[in-house]
Amino acid sequence: MTVNRFPRPAAVLAAMILSAILNARLAAAAPTIPWVTNGPPAEDILSLAIDPLTPTTVYAGAELGRIFKSTNRGGSWNLLDTGLLTGANALVITPDASAIYVGTDNGAFVSTNAGSSWDPAGLDATVVNALVIDPNAPSTIYAGTGGGGGDQGIFRGTVGSTQWTPMNSGLPDTVVHGLATDPLQPEHTFPTTLFAVTDAGLFRSVDQAANWLSASSGLPDAALNVIVPDPINLFTLYLGTDVGVFVSNDIGQSWQAAADSFTSAISSIAIDPTSGNLYAGTFGDGVFASTDGGANWSDYNSGLTNGVVRALAIDAGSPPTLFAGTIGDGVFLTHPATQCLGDCDGSGDVTVNEIIAMVNIDLGSADVTTCPAADPDNTGMVDIAQIIAAVNNALVGCPL
């Protein structure tokens, strides 16, 4: 197909005109939307969960067993009458949204009516720090426990039952802080791969927790806090530690530091399943964002007045909504800027230099790989319509 292009002199002139226009009017571009909070006020938020079938519904677990529910993407929150008395450390919702589990300092509890009431679900007198549903067998649930009396280690249960079986072969007697599964596992026929973040390091199981092996190669001698698999890139996982973020591209067989720009421990990680952008919550410095797989990070704190972030969750709707649970100030939310035509660096806006880069690609003096956002259709070229669209994005802001 023939693509209409600027003649070379016209392209140069166009670049000059665009520069003049943009330098004069770029201030009109919409800024990145800052964080806001609509409550719950003065709460220590320990966990967040988004309803998989109704993503406008969000749950926030807090200290003293307080669980809050929003049905409008965090626009307002209601306190659920749970009857729980200890911290809601972990929340998980079954894929069909028929049951919500909460892990507390005194066992697990479950609701089968969207949080209206809660019943004991076993592991009495046990601190439950983490919960995860098996994506291959959604009736199977795993709990990571320890750190305050009672049993510690990993337990396997069945949705709807109060019975749990210890699954600790190969695992030291240690506190378990986090659990994760391979999100691409349902496409496979082999058993779910599980990961356990513990005081004794990172462990992996490939047989539904029957046996565990160390997966700590390349990890620092520091506290490990959270593990999250990449929902887009096969075999990739991210691990938050007290000394930064680490990445594995081989299902946890080896790890490398993703960046060394953090001064606070990493408490939580969220990944946008559409854009692949990473977000890391910290115990003191707020939230950081990366658009290149963790190689580079920038602070993402405009409007976030509390830097102690315990939990992150993202609803990849349109626009996406990122939630941050803080210690002391409830839940904050923002709508991350999505990469739009001409936004070469993923910053959320289009600049003069990015417009000029697109013109250079059109002229053939630069390769399209220098600005993938200039070629959303992967045609290997840029045309006049795309340049005009990018100019519009520069003038009025990237669409959310």
Protein backbone atom coordinates (compact mmCIF):
# COMPACT_ATOMS: atom_id res chain seq x y z
CA MET A 1 0.00 0.00 0.00
CA THR A 2 1.35 3.45 -0.90
CA VAL A 3 1.59 5.82 2.04
CA ASN A 4 1.33 9.56 1.43
CA ARG A 5 4.44 11.25 2.76
CA PHE A 6 5.74 14.78 3.11
CA PRO A 7 8.22 15.73 0.38
CA ARG A 8 11.53 16.25 2.14
CA PRO A 9 11.50 20.11 2.13
CA ALA A 10 7.91 20.16 3.30
CA ALA A 11 8.75 17.76 6.12
CA VAL A 12 11.50 20.05 7.37
CA LEU A 13 9.17 23.02 7.19
CA ALA A 14 6.49 21.04 8.99
CA ALA A 15 8.91 20.27 11.79
CA MET A 16 9.67 23.97 12.19
CA ILE A 17 5.98 24.87 12.23
CA LEU A 18 5.20 22.12 14.69
CA SER A 19 7.98 23.29 16.98
CA ALA A 20 6.65 26.83 16.98
CA ILE A 21 3.08 25.72 17.66
CA LEU A 22 4.04 23.30 20.38
CA ASN A 23 6.43 25.64 22.14
CA ALA A 24 3.61 28.15 22.34
CA ARG A 25 0.80 25.80 23.33
CA LEU A 26 2.30 22.74 24.98
CA ALA A 27 1.26 24.10 28.37
CA ALA A 28 -2.31 23.28 27.36
CA ALA A 29 -1.55 19.55 27.33
CA ALA A 30 -3.32 17.61 30.04
CA PRO A 31 -1.04 16.71 32.95
CA THR A 32 -0.71 13.26 34.43
CA ILE A 33 -3.65 12.77 36.79
CA PRO A 34 -2.44 12.98 40.41
CA TRP A 35 -3.38 10.66 43.23
CA VAL A 36 -6.60 11.38 45.12
CA THR A 37 -8.22 9.74 48.12
CA ASN A 38 -11.90 9.28 48.89
CA GLY A 39 -11.32 7.35 52.11
CA PRO A 40 -11.55 5.36 54.13
CA PRO A 41 -9.91 8.04 56.30
CA ALA A 42 -7.19 7.40 58.88
CA GLU A 43 -7.06 3.68 58.13
CA ASP A 44 -4.05 1.35 57.94
CA ILE A 45 -4.70 -0.52 54.70
CA LEU A 46 -2.96 -3.91 54.58
CA SER A 47 -4.49 -5.52 51.48
CA LEU A 48 -6.49 -4.77 48.34
CA ALA A 49 -8.52 -6.95 45.97
CA ILE A 50 -10.52 -6.17 42.84
CA ASP A 51 -13.60 -8.20 41.92
CA PRO A 52 -12.62 -10.22 38.80
CA LEU A 53 -16.13 -10.07 37.33
CA THR A 54 -17.09 -6.56 38.43
CA PRO A 55 -13.89 -4.52 38.48
CA THR A 56 -15.71 -1.43 39.69
CA THR A 57 -15.91 -3.25 43.04
CA VAL A 58 -12.80 -3.05 45.23
CA TYR A 59 -12.12 -4.39 48.72
CA ALA A 60 -9.61 -2.95 51.18
CA GLY A 61 -8.47 -4.87 54.25
CA ALA A 62 -7.34 -2.86 57.27
CA GLU A 63 -6.12 -3.27 60.82
CA LEU A 64 -8.50 -4.64 63.48
CA GLY A 65 -10.20 -6.79 60.87
CA ARG A 66 -11.90 -3.84 59.23
CA ILE A 67 -12.80 -4.46 55.59
CA PHE A 68 -14.07 -1.70 53.33
CA LYS A 69 -15.88 -2.04 50.02
CA SER A 70 -16.20 0.35 47.10
CA THR A 71 -18.60 -0.28 44.22
CA ASN A 72 -17.49 2.75 42.18
CA ARG A 73 -13.75 2.23 41.69
CA GLY A 74 -12.79 3.92 44.93
CA GLY A 75 -15.14 6.88 44.62
CA SER A 76 -16.58 6.05 48.04
CA TRP A 77 -16.14 3.32 50.64
CA ASN A 78 -18.43 1.45 53.01
CA LEU A 79 -17.32 -0.40 56.14
CA LEU A 80 -18.43 -4.05 56.11
CA ASP A 81 -19.65 -5.59 59.34
CA THR A 82 -17.14 -8.43 59.45
CA GLY A 83 -17.00 -9.27 63.13
CA LEU A 84 -13.25 -9.79 62.68
CA LEU A 85 -10.93 -8.50 65.38
CA THR A 86 -7.47 -8.76 63.83
CA GLY A 87 -5.67 -7.34 60.82
CA ALA A 88 -6.90 -8.20 57.32
CA ASN A 89 -3.43 -9.11 56.02
CA ALA A 90 -4.49 -10.69 52.72
CA LEU A 91 -7.52 -10.70 50.44
CA VAL A 92 -8.25 -13.00 47.51
CA ILE A 93 -11.38 -13.50 45.41
CA THR A 94 -12.24 -16.69 43.53
CA PRO A 95 -12.33 -16.31 39.71
CA ASP A 96 -16.12 -16.64 39.66
CA ALA A 97 -16.40 -14.11 42.53
CA SER A 98 -18.43 -16.60 44.55
CA ALA A 99 -16.16 -16.34 47.58
CA ILE A 100 -13.87 -13.74 49.16
CA TYR A 101 -11.18 -14.96 51.54
CA VAL A 102 -9.37 -12.83 54.07
CA GLY A 103 -6.25 -13.85 55.97
CA THR A 104 -6.04 -12.40 59.47
CA ASP A 105 -3.88 -12.66 62.57
CA ASN A 106 -6.35 -15.28 63.79
CA GLY A 107 -6.92 -17.56 60.83
CA ALA A 108 -8.81 -17.37 57.55
CA PHE A 109 -12.35 -16.15 57.00
CA VAL A 110 -14.65 -16.32 53.99
CA SER A 111 -17.65 -14.45 52.64
CA THR A 112 -20.00 -15.94 50.05
CA ASN A 113 -22.28 -12.89 49.82
CA ALA A 114 -19.96 -10.15 48.55
CA GLY A 115 -18.74 -9.24 52.01
CA SER A 116 -22.07 -8.87 53.81
CA SER A 117 -21.10 -11.55 56.33
CA TRP A 118 -18.01 -13.60 57.16
CA ASP A 119 -17.47 -17.10 58.50
CA PRO A 120 -14.38 -18.86 59.91
CA ALA A 121 -12.53 -20.77 57.18
CA GLY A 122 -9.96 -22.63 59.28
CA LEU A 123 -6.35 -22.09 60.36
CA ASP A 124 -7.57 -20.92 63.76
CA ALA A 125 -5.06 -19.07 65.96
CA THR A 126 -2.69 -18.79 62.99
CA VAL A 127 -1.37 -15.61 61.39
CA VAL A 128 -2.30 -15.77 57.69
CA ASN A 129 -0.08 -13.42 55.70
CA ALA A 130 -0.81 -14.47 52.12
CA LEU A 131 -3.52 -16.19 50.09
CA VAL A 132 -3.58 -17.32 46.45
CA ILE A 133 -6.02 -19.28 44.27
CA ASP A 134 -4.70 -22.02 41.98
CA PRO A 135 -5.50 -20.83 38.41
CA ASN A 136 -5.49 -24.43 37.14
CA ALA A 137 -7.78 -25.62 39.90
CA PRO A 138 -9.79 -22.62 41.15
CA SER A 139 -11.31 -24.67 43.95
CA THR A 140 -7.82 -24.93 45.50
CA ILE A 141 -6.48 -22.17 47.74
CA TYR A 142 -3.05 -21.79 49.37
CA ALA A 143 -2.19 -19.89 52.54
CA GLY A 144 1.17 -18.57 53.70
CA THR A 145 1.36 -18.28 57.49
CA GLY A 146 3.53 -17.52 60.49
CA GLY A 147 4.89 -14.74 62.64
CA GLY A 148 2.83 -14.49 65.81
CA GLY A 149 2.07 -17.87 67.25
CA GLY A 150 0.28 -20.86 65.85
CA ASP A 151 1.42 -22.83 62.82
CA GLN A 152 3.69 -21.43 60.17
CA GLY A 153 4.45 -22.49 56.62
CA ILE A 154 2.21 -23.20 53.65
CA PHE A 155 -1.21 -24.84 53.76
CA ARG A 156 -3.47 -26.06 50.98
CA GLY A 157 -7.23 -25.91 51.28
CA THR A 158 -10.40 -26.25 49.25
CA VAL A 159 -12.84 -23.44 48.62
CA GLY A 160 -15.87 -24.08 50.79
CA SER A 161 -13.99 -26.21 53.33
CA THR A 162 -12.41 -25.30 56.66
CA GLN A 163 -9.78 -28.04 56.42
CA TRP A 164 -6.18 -27.23 55.48
CA THR A 165 -3.24 -29.54 54.79
CA PRO A 166 0.35 -28.47 55.56
CA MET A 167 2.50 -28.52 52.39
CA ASN A 168 6.02 -27.92 53.64
CA SER A 169 8.23 -30.66 52.21
CA GLY A 170 11.59 -29.04 51.47
CA LEU A 171 10.54 -25.81 53.15
CA PRO A 172 12.31 -24.71 56.35
CA ASP A 173 10.29 -23.96 59.47
CA THR A 174 9.83 -20.31 58.54
CA VAL A 175 7.40 -17.44 58.21
CA VAL A 176 5.77 -17.11 54.76
CA HIS A 177 5.12 -13.52 53.69
CA GLY A 178 3.96 -13.91 50.10
CA LEU A 179 2.63 -16.40 47.55
CA ALA A 180 2.25 -16.26 43.78
CA THR A 181 1.40 -18.51 40.85
CA ASP A 182 2.37 -18.47 37.19
CA PRO A 183 -0.44 -16.42 35.58
CA LEU A 184 0.03 -18.14 32.22
CA GLN A 185 -0.35 -21.56 33.80
CA PRO A 186 -3.95 -22.16 32.65
CA GLU A 187 -2.61 -22.39 29.10
CA HIS A 188 -0.41 -25.30 30.13
CA THR A 189 -1.20 -28.90 30.96
CA PHE A 190 1.37 -29.34 33.71
CA PRO A 191 0.69 -28.48 37.39
CA THR A 192 0.69 -24.94 38.70
CA THR A 193 4.04 -23.40 39.57
CA LEU A 194 3.95 -21.79 43.01
CA PHE A 195 6.35 -19.31 44.62
CA ALA A 196 6.72 -18.64 48.32
CA VAL A 197 8.43 -15.58 49.83
CA THR A 198 9.75 -16.54 53.26
CA ASP A 199 12.15 -15.42 55.97
CA ALA A 200 14.47 -18.17 54.70
CA GLY A 201 14.45 -16.99 51.08
CA LEU A 202 12.40 -17.66 47.98
CA PHE A 203 11.08 -21.15 47.22
CA ARG A 204 9.37 -22.70 44.21
CA SER A 205 7.11 -25.71 43.74
CA VAL A 206 6.12 -27.30 40.43
CA ASP A 207 3.85 -29.97 41.90
CA GLN A 208 1.07 -28.08 43.67
CA ALA A 209 3.13 -27.44 46.81
CA ALA A 210 3.96 -31.11 47.40
CA ASN A 211 7.68 -30.26 47.30
CA TRP A 212 9.64 -27.04 47.52
CA LEU A 213 13.08 -26.05 46.21
CA SER A 214 15.10 -22.90 46.79
CA ALA A 215 14.75 -20.26 44.07
CA SER A 216 17.03 -17.63 45.64
CA SER A 217 19.94 -17.70 43.17
CA GLY A 218 21.11 -14.11 42.66
CA LEU A 219 18.98 -12.65 45.44
CA PRO A 220 20.48 -10.41 48.14
CA ASP A 221 20.92 -11.21 51.80
CA ALA A 222 17.96 -9.02 52.67
CA ALA A 223 14.31 -9.35 53.57
CA LEU A 224 12.06 -10.51 50.73
CA ASN A 225 8.60 -9.00 50.81
CA VAL A 226 6.48 -9.64 47.72
CA ILE A 227 6.55 -11.56 44.44
CA VAL A 228 4.44 -10.82 41.36
CA PRO A 229 4.48 -12.67 38.00
CA ASP A 230 4.39 -10.65 34.81
CA PRO A 231 0.96 -11.13 33.17
CA ILE A 232 2.39 -10.38 29.72
CA ASN A 233 5.92 -11.78 29.50
CA LEU A 234 6.25 -15.54 29.82
CA PHE A 235 8.64 -16.74 32.56
CA THR A 236 9.16 -13.23 34.02
CA LEU A 237 8.64 -12.42 37.71
CA TYR A 238 9.36 -9.41 39.89
CA LEU A 239 10.39 -9.59 43.54
CA GLY A 240 10.25 -6.72 46.01
CA THR A 241 12.90 -6.71 48.73
CA ASP A 242 14.25 -4.37 51.38
CA VAL A 243 16.95 -3.30 48.90
CA GLY A 244 14.96 -2.87 45.71
CA VAL A 245 13.26 -4.79 42.91
CA PHE A 246 14.71 -7.96 41.38
CA VAL A 247 13.64 -9.61 38.14
CA SER A 248 13.78 -13.19 36.86
CA ASN A 249 13.28 -14.11 33.21
CA ASP A 250 13.51 -17.87 33.73
CA ILE A 251 10.67 -18.66 36.15
CA GLY A 252 12.74 -17.92 39.24
CA GLN A 253 15.83 -19.97 38.43
CA SER A 254 18.00 -16.85 38.58
CA TRP A 255 17.52 -13.24 39.62
CA GLN A 256 19.08 -9.86 38.78
CA ALA A 257 18.61 -6.43 40.30
CA ALA A 258 16.11 -4.49 38.21
CA ALA A 259 17.35 -1.13 39.50
CA ASP A 260 19.16 0.40 42.46
CA SER A 261 17.21 3.65 42.71
CA PHE A 262 15.22 2.78 45.82
CA THR A 263 16.00 4.01 49.32
CA SER A 264 13.00 2.37 51.01
CA ALA A 265 11.96 -1.27 51.18
CA ILE A 266 9.56 -2.49 48.49
CA SER A 267 6.22 -3.46 50.00
CA SER A 268 4.10 -4.18 46.95
CA ILE A 269 4.21 -4.48 43.16
CA ALA A 270 1.46 -4.13 40.56
CA ILE A 271 1.71 -4.68 36.79
CA ASP A 272 -0.69 -3.25 34.24
CA PRO A 273 -1.74 -6.33 32.19
CA THR A 274 -2.35 -4.15 29.12
CA SER A 275 0.63 -1.79 28.98
CA GLY A 276 3.05 -3.87 31.04
CA ASN A 277 3.96 -0.83 33.13
CA LEU A 278 5.31 -1.66 36.61
CA TYR A 279 4.41 0.06 39.86
CA ALA A 280 6.28 -0.47 43.12
CA GLY A 281 4.99 0.66 46.52
CA THR A 282 7.50 1.41 49.25
CA PHE A 283 7.62 1.70 53.03
CA GLY A 284 8.28 5.44 53.06
CA ASP A 285 8.91 6.85 49.58
CA GLY A 286 5.53 6.30 47.99
CA VAL A 287 5.11 4.72 44.56
CA PHE A 288 7.57 4.35 41.68
CA ALA A 289 6.77 3.53 38.06
CA SER A 290 8.71 1.83 35.27
CA THR A 291 7.78 1.58 31.59
CA ASP A 292 10.77 -0.56 30.55
CA GLY A 293 10.55 -3.72 32.62
CA GLY A 294 12.19 -2.24 35.70
CA ALA A 295 15.38 -0.95 34.07
CA ASN A 296 14.46 2.63 35.00
CA TRP A 297 12.10 4.00 37.64
CA SER A 298 10.60 7.40 38.39
CA ASP A 299 8.64 8.52 41.41
CA TYR A 300 4.89 8.52 40.87
CA ASN A 301 3.76 10.55 43.84
CA SER A 302 1.94 13.65 42.67
CA GLY A 303 -0.92 14.04 45.14
CA LEU A 304 0.14 11.04 47.23
CA THR A 305 0.46 12.59 50.68
CA ASN A 306 1.43 9.39 52.48
CA GLY A 307 4.60 7.60 51.39
CA VAL A 308 4.04 4.43 53.42
CA VAL A 309 2.33 2.21 50.87
CA ARG A 310 1.48 -1.31 52.01
CA ALA A 311 -0.62 -2.57 49.07
CA LEU A 312 -1.13 -1.91 45.35
CA ALA A 313 -3.78 -3.15 42.94
CA ILE A 314 -4.64 -2.21 39.37
CA ASP A 315 -7.87 -2.40 37.41
CA ALA A 316 -6.90 -2.47 33.75
CA GLY A 317 -10.13 -0.92 32.57
CA SER A 318 -10.47 2.14 30.36
CA PRO A 319 -9.01 4.17 31.87
CA PRO A 320 -6.94 1.92 34.13
CA THR A 321 -7.16 2.66 37.84
CA LEU A 322 -4.22 2.13 40.19
CA PHE A 323 -5.00 1.81 43.91
CA ALA A 324 -2.53 2.32 46.77
CA GLY A 325 -3.30 1.25 50.32
CA THR A 326 -1.40 3.40 52.82
CA ILE A 327 -0.64 3.10 56.50
CA GLY A 328 -2.65 5.84 58.17
CA ASP A 329 -4.48 7.52 55.28
CA GLY A 330 -6.63 4.88 53.63
CA VAL A 331 -6.72 4.23 49.89
CA PHE A 332 -5.41 6.54 47.16
CA LEU A 333 -6.18 6.11 43.48
CA THR A 334 -4.97 7.45 40.17
CA HIS A 335 -5.44 6.79 36.47
CA PRO A 336 -2.01 6.09 34.97
CA ALA A 337 -1.41 7.78 31.65
CA THR A 338 -1.49 5.22 28.86
CA GLN A 339 1.01 5.46 26.04
CA CYS A 340 -0.53 7.27 23.10
CA LEU A 341 0.49 8.05 19.54
CA GLY A 342 3.75 10.00 19.61
CA ASP A 343 4.52 9.38 23.30
CA CYS A 344 7.92 7.85 22.60
CA ASP A 345 9.11 7.65 26.22
CA GLY A 346 5.81 6.57 27.81
CA SER A 347 5.70 9.71 29.96
CA GLY A 348 2.01 10.31 29.32
CA ASP A 349 2.43 13.32 27.04
CA VAL A 350 3.88 14.19 23.63
CA THR A 351 6.71 16.71 23.34
CA VAL A 352 8.21 18.79 20.55
CA ASN A 353 11.20 16.46 20.31
CA GLU A 354 8.91 13.46 19.94
CA ILE A 355 7.04 15.14 17.07
CA ILE A 356 10.35 15.89 15.39
CA ALA A 357 11.36 12.24 15.91
CA MET A 358 8.23 11.15 14.07
CA VAL A 359 9.03 13.51 11.17
CA ASN A 360 12.54 12.07 11.02
CA ILE A 361 11.10 8.57 10.85
CA ASP A 362 8.86 9.71 8.01
CA LEU A 363 11.88 11.17 6.21
CA GLY A 364 13.76 7.93 6.62
CA SER A 365 16.52 9.52 8.69
CA ALA A 366 15.52 7.61 11.83
CA ASP A 367 14.28 4.09 12.43
CA VAL A 368 10.79 3.51 13.77
CA THR A 369 12.29 1.56 16.68
CA THR A 370 13.44 4.90 18.12
CA CYS A 371 9.78 5.64 18.87
CA PRO A 372 7.53 2.55 18.84
CA ALA A 373 4.59 4.72 19.95
CA ALA A 374 4.77 6.42 16.54
CA ASP A 375 3.79 3.17 14.85
CA PRO A 376 0.98 1.55 16.87
CA ASP A 377 -0.03 -0.64 13.93
CA ASN A 378 3.51 -2.04 13.51
CA THR A 379 3.68 -1.10 9.83
CA GLY A 380 7.34 -0.07 10.09
CA MET A 381 6.61 3.47 8.91
CA VAL A 382 4.98 6.74 9.90
CA ASP A 383 2.54 8.72 7.75
CA ILE A 384 1.09 12.24 7.76
CA ALA A 385 -2.13 11.16 9.52
CA GLN A 386 -0.15 9.76 12.43
CA ILE A 387 1.95 12.92 12.72
CA ILE A 388 -1.18 15.06 12.78
CA ALA A 389 -2.72 12.79 15.44
CA ALA A 390 0.44 13.08 17.53
CA VAL A 391 0.32 16.88 17.24
CA ASN A 392 -3.24 16.79 18.53
CA ASN A 393 -2.13 14.62 21.47
CA ALA A 394 0.59 17.17 22.22
CA LEU A 395 -1.86 20.06 22.18
CA VAL A 396 -4.79 18.60 24.13
CA GLY A 397 -3.10 15.79 26.03
CA CYS A 398 -2.94 12.04 25.63
CA PRO A 399 -6.33 10.34 25.88
CA LEU A 400 -6.88 8.49 29.15
